[in-house]
Amino acid sequence: MAGQQQTSPRGTTSLDKTLEKSEQVAADVQRASDNLAVVNTVLEQELPDEVQVGEVALAIEQTSQLEEKLAKSAEKLAEVNAALSEEIEKRLEATAERDESQALAEKLKAKIRAVDAG
């Protein structure tokens, strides 16, 4: 119908593209966290306790703290992505309902015009 907005298929809206990028970032952050966890575990296990002092101990602690921050960031990103995905679904449903209402209104207008003309 003329002047009526069409519903964009899932995956083509700017929100869908934003969600896709955010999911890629979340995956990258999770991989970085996992890699850092491996590095930290290796450092803790392979370095004798007598070597894990001073700057080495500080580096191991900072690596552990960074691993925790990355893991929390990955969790937050996953939560944001879930909320964004839910919002996209709600908008798609609302748009579909609007389009159905507009189509029904156009049919009713056409029937009224037909009755008035007859």
C-alpha atoms as a PDB file:
ATOM      1  CA  MET A   1       0.000   0.000   0.000  1.00  0.00           C
ATOM      2  CA  ALA A   2       1.200   3.468  -0.812  1.00  0.00           C
ATOM      3  CA  GLY A   3       2.994   5.304   1.973  1.00  0.00           C
ATOM      4  CA  GLN A   4       3.086   2.265   4.231  1.00  0.00           C
ATOM      5  CA  GLN A   5       6.379   1.223   5.780  1.00  0.00           C
ATOM      6  CA  GLN A   6       7.380  -2.334   5.145  1.00  0.00           C
ATOM      7  CA  THR A   7       8.710  -4.594   7.879  1.00  0.00           C
ATOM      8  CA  SER A   8      12.419  -5.286   7.473  1.00  0.00           C
ATOM      9  CA  PRO A   9      13.321  -8.947   7.584  1.00  0.00           C
ATOM     10  CA  ARG A  10      15.290 -10.042  10.627  1.00  0.00           C
ATOM     11  CA  GLY A  11      18.983  -9.424  10.180  1.00  0.00           C
ATOM     12  CA  THR A  12      18.775  -6.311   8.005  1.00  0.00           C
ATOM     13  CA  THR A  13      17.921  -3.538  10.470  1.00  0.00           C
ATOM     14  CA  SER A  14      20.531  -1.342  12.112  1.00  0.00           C
ATOM     15  CA  LEU A  15      19.657  -2.941  15.455  1.00  0.00           C
ATOM     16  CA  ASP A  16      20.299  -6.399  14.009  1.00  0.00           C
ATOM     17  CA  LYS A  17      23.655  -5.248  12.673  1.00  0.00           C
ATOM     18  CA  THR A  18      24.506  -3.679  16.029  1.00  0.00           C
ATOM     19  CA  LEU A  19      23.592  -6.908  17.788  1.00  0.00           C
ATOM     20  CA  GLU A  20      25.771  -8.909  15.411  1.00  0.00           C
ATOM     21  CA  LYS A  21      28.760  -6.621  16.043  1.00  0.00           C
ATOM     22  CA  SER A  22      28.171  -6.740  19.785  1.00  0.00           C
ATOM     23  CA  GLU A  23      28.028 -10.536  19.709  1.00  0.00           C
ATOM     24  CA  GLN A  24      31.344 -10.593  17.836  1.00  0.00           C
ATOM     25  CA  VAL A  25      32.884  -8.300  20.448  1.00  0.00           C
ATOM     26  CA  ALA A  26      31.500 -10.510  23.234  1.00  0.00           C
ATOM     27  CA  ALA A  27      33.059 -13.571  21.601  1.00  0.00           C
ATOM     28  CA  ASP A  28      36.402 -11.756  21.270  1.00  0.00           C
ATOM     29  CA  VAL A  29      36.305 -10.674  24.919  1.00  0.00           C
ATOM     30  CA  GLN A  30      35.441 -14.217  26.006  1.00  0.00           C
ATOM     31  CA  ARG A  31      38.332 -15.651  23.958  1.00  0.00           C
ATOM     32  CA  ALA A  32      40.712 -13.091  25.460  1.00  0.00           C
ATOM     33  CA  SER A  33      39.502 -13.996  28.946  1.00  0.00           C
ATOM     34  CA  ASP A  34      39.945 -17.698  28.252  1.00  0.00           C
ATOM     35  CA  ASN A  35      43.437 -17.160  26.817  1.00  0.00           C
ATOM     36  CA  LEU A  36      44.432 -15.023  29.764  1.00  0.00           C
ATOM     37  CA  ALA A  37      43.168 -17.705  32.144  1.00  0.00           C
ATOM     38  CA  VAL A  38      45.412 -20.244  30.439  1.00  0.00           C
ATOM     39  CA  VAL A  39      48.412 -17.908  30.632  1.00  0.00           C
ATOM     40  CA  ASN A  40      47.746 -17.193  34.300  1.00  0.00           C
ATOM     41  CA  THR A  41      47.373 -20.892  35.125  1.00  0.00           C
ATOM     42  CA  VAL A  42      50.614 -21.727  33.330  1.00  0.00           C
ATOM     43  CA  LEU A  43      52.460 -18.946  35.128  1.00  0.00           C
ATOM     44  CA  GLU A  44      51.167 -20.060  38.523  1.00  0.00           C
ATOM     45  CA  GLN A  45      51.911 -23.740  37.922  1.00  0.00           C
ATOM     46  CA  GLU A  46      55.211 -23.520  36.061  1.00  0.00           C
ATOM     47  CA  LEU A  47      56.952 -20.912  38.173  1.00  0.00           C
ATOM     48  CA  PRO A  48      58.195 -22.175  41.510  1.00  0.00           C
ATOM     49  CA  ASP A  49      56.864 -20.363  44.565  1.00  0.00           C
ATOM     50  CA  GLU A  50      60.297 -18.880  45.306  1.00  0.00           C
ATOM     51  CA  VAL A  51      60.257 -17.196  41.869  1.00  0.00           C
ATOM     52  CA  GLN A  52      56.716 -15.858  42.307  1.00  0.00           C
ATOM     53  CA  VAL A  53      57.849 -12.799  44.257  1.00  0.00           C
ATOM     54  CA  GLY A  54      58.231  -9.114  43.532  1.00  0.00           C
ATOM     55  CA  GLU A  55      57.392  -8.063  40.002  1.00  0.00           C
ATOM     56  CA  VAL A  56      56.628 -11.634  38.902  1.00  0.00           C
ATOM     57  CA  ALA A  57      54.083 -12.061  41.697  1.00  0.00           C
ATOM     58  CA  LEU A  58      52.601  -8.667  40.828  1.00  0.00           C
ATOM     59  CA  ALA A  59      52.362  -9.616  37.144  1.00  0.00           C
ATOM     60  CA  ILE A  60      50.602 -12.878  38.027  1.00  0.00           C
ATOM     61  CA  GLU A  61      48.157 -11.016  40.302  1.00  0.00           C
ATOM     62  CA  GLN A  62      47.456  -8.378  37.660  1.00  0.00           C
ATOM     63  CA  THR A  63      46.908 -11.102  35.080  1.00  0.00           C
ATOM     64  CA  SER A  64      44.419 -12.744  37.408  1.00  0.00           C
ATOM     65  CA  GLN A  65      42.601  -9.460  38.011  1.00  0.00           C
ATOM     66  CA  LEU A  66      42.479  -8.706  34.291  1.00  0.00           C
ATOM     67  CA  GLU A  67      41.104 -12.188  33.631  1.00  0.00           C
ATOM     68  CA  GLU A  68      38.283 -11.533  36.125  1.00  0.00           C
ATOM     69  CA  LYS A  69      37.493  -8.127  34.559  1.00  0.00           C
ATOM     70  CA  LEU A  70      37.374  -9.643  31.086  1.00  0.00           C
ATOM     71  CA  ALA A  71      35.114 -12.453  32.280  1.00  0.00           C
ATOM     72  CA  LYS A  72      32.728  -9.932  33.891  1.00  0.00           C
ATOM     73  CA  SER A  73      32.765  -7.815  30.738  1.00  0.00           C
ATOM     74  CA  ALA A  74      31.908 -10.868  28.647  1.00  0.00           C
ATOM     75  CA  GLU A  75      28.987 -11.643  30.974  1.00  0.00           C
ATOM     76  CA  LYS A  76      27.714  -8.048  30.785  1.00  0.00           C
ATOM     77  CA  LEU A  77      27.977  -8.074  27.008  1.00  0.00           C
ATOM     78  CA  ALA A  78      25.991 -11.305  26.885  1.00  0.00           C
ATOM     79  CA  GLU A  79      23.278  -9.679  29.039  1.00  0.00           C
ATOM     80  CA  VAL A  80      23.221  -6.576  26.823  1.00  0.00           C
ATOM     81  CA  ASN A  81      23.014  -8.746  23.711  1.00  0.00           C
ATOM     82  CA  ALA A  82      20.108 -10.731  25.154  1.00  0.00           C
ATOM     83  CA  ALA A  83      18.255  -7.503  25.993  1.00  0.00           C
ATOM     84  CA  LEU A  84      18.975  -6.089  22.545  1.00  0.00           C
ATOM     85  CA  SER A  85      17.739  -9.266  20.888  1.00  0.00           C
ATOM     86  CA  GLU A  86      14.549  -9.133  22.978  1.00  0.00           C
ATOM     87  CA  GLU A  87      14.006  -5.494  22.006  1.00  0.00           C
ATOM     88  CA  ILE A  88      14.427  -6.347  18.326  1.00  0.00           C
ATOM     89  CA  GLU A  89      11.818  -9.109  18.643  1.00  0.00           C
ATOM     90  CA  LYS A  90       9.386  -6.745  20.387  1.00  0.00           C
ATOM     91  CA  ARG A  91       9.839  -4.144  17.667  1.00  0.00           C
ATOM     92  CA  LEU A  92       9.300  -6.727  14.941  1.00  0.00           C
ATOM     93  CA  GLU A  93       6.087  -7.880  16.640  1.00  0.00           C
ATOM     94  CA  ALA A  94       4.859  -4.306  17.099  1.00  0.00           C
ATOM     95  CA  THR A  95       5.640  -3.483  13.477  1.00  0.00           C
ATOM     96  CA  ALA A  96       3.797  -6.594  12.274  1.00  0.00           C
ATOM     97  CA  GLU A  97       0.772  -5.685  14.416  1.00  0.00           C
ATOM     98  CA  ARG A  98       0.843  -2.122  13.085  1.00  0.00           C
ATOM     99  CA  ASP A  99       1.026  -3.377   9.508  1.00  0.00           C
ATOM    100  CA  GLU A 100      -1.928  -5.719  10.107  1.00  0.00           C
ATOM    101  CA  SER A 101      -3.952  -2.868  11.614  1.00  0.00           C
ATOM    102  CA  GLN A 102      -3.134  -0.589   8.699  1.00  0.00           C
ATOM    103  CA  ALA A 103      -4.103  -3.286   6.200  1.00  0.00           C
ATOM    104  CA  LEU A 104      -7.404  -3.846   8.012  1.00  0.00           C
ATOM    105  CA  ALA A 105      -8.079  -0.093   8.079  1.00  0.00           C
ATOM    106  CA  GLU A 106      -7.436   0.121   4.327  1.00  0.00           C
ATOM    107  CA  LYS A 107      -9.872  -2.771   3.702  1.00  0.00           C
ATOM    108  CA  LEU A 108     -12.520  -1.095   5.837  1.00  0.00           C
ATOM    109  CA  LYS A 109     -12.014   2.230   4.018  1.00  0.00           C
ATOM    110  CA  ALA A 110     -12.363   0.442   0.693  1.00  0.00           C
ATOM    111  CA  LYS A 111     -15.616  -1.216   1.850  1.00  0.00           C
ATOM    112  CA  ILE A 112     -16.987   2.126   3.050  1.00  0.00           C
ATOM    113  CA  ARG A 113     -16.101   3.748  -0.293  1.00  0.00           C
ATOM    114  CA  ALA A 114     -17.791   0.854  -2.104  1.00  0.00           C
ATOM    115  CA  VAL A 115     -20.953   1.203   0.015  1.00  0.00           C
ATOM    116  CA  ASP A 116     -20.962   5.002  -0.445  1.00  0.00           C
ATOM    117  CA  ALA A 117     -20.487   4.623  -4.193  1.00  0.00           C
ATOM    118  CA  GLY A 118     -23.204   1.952  -4.488  1.00  0.00           C
END
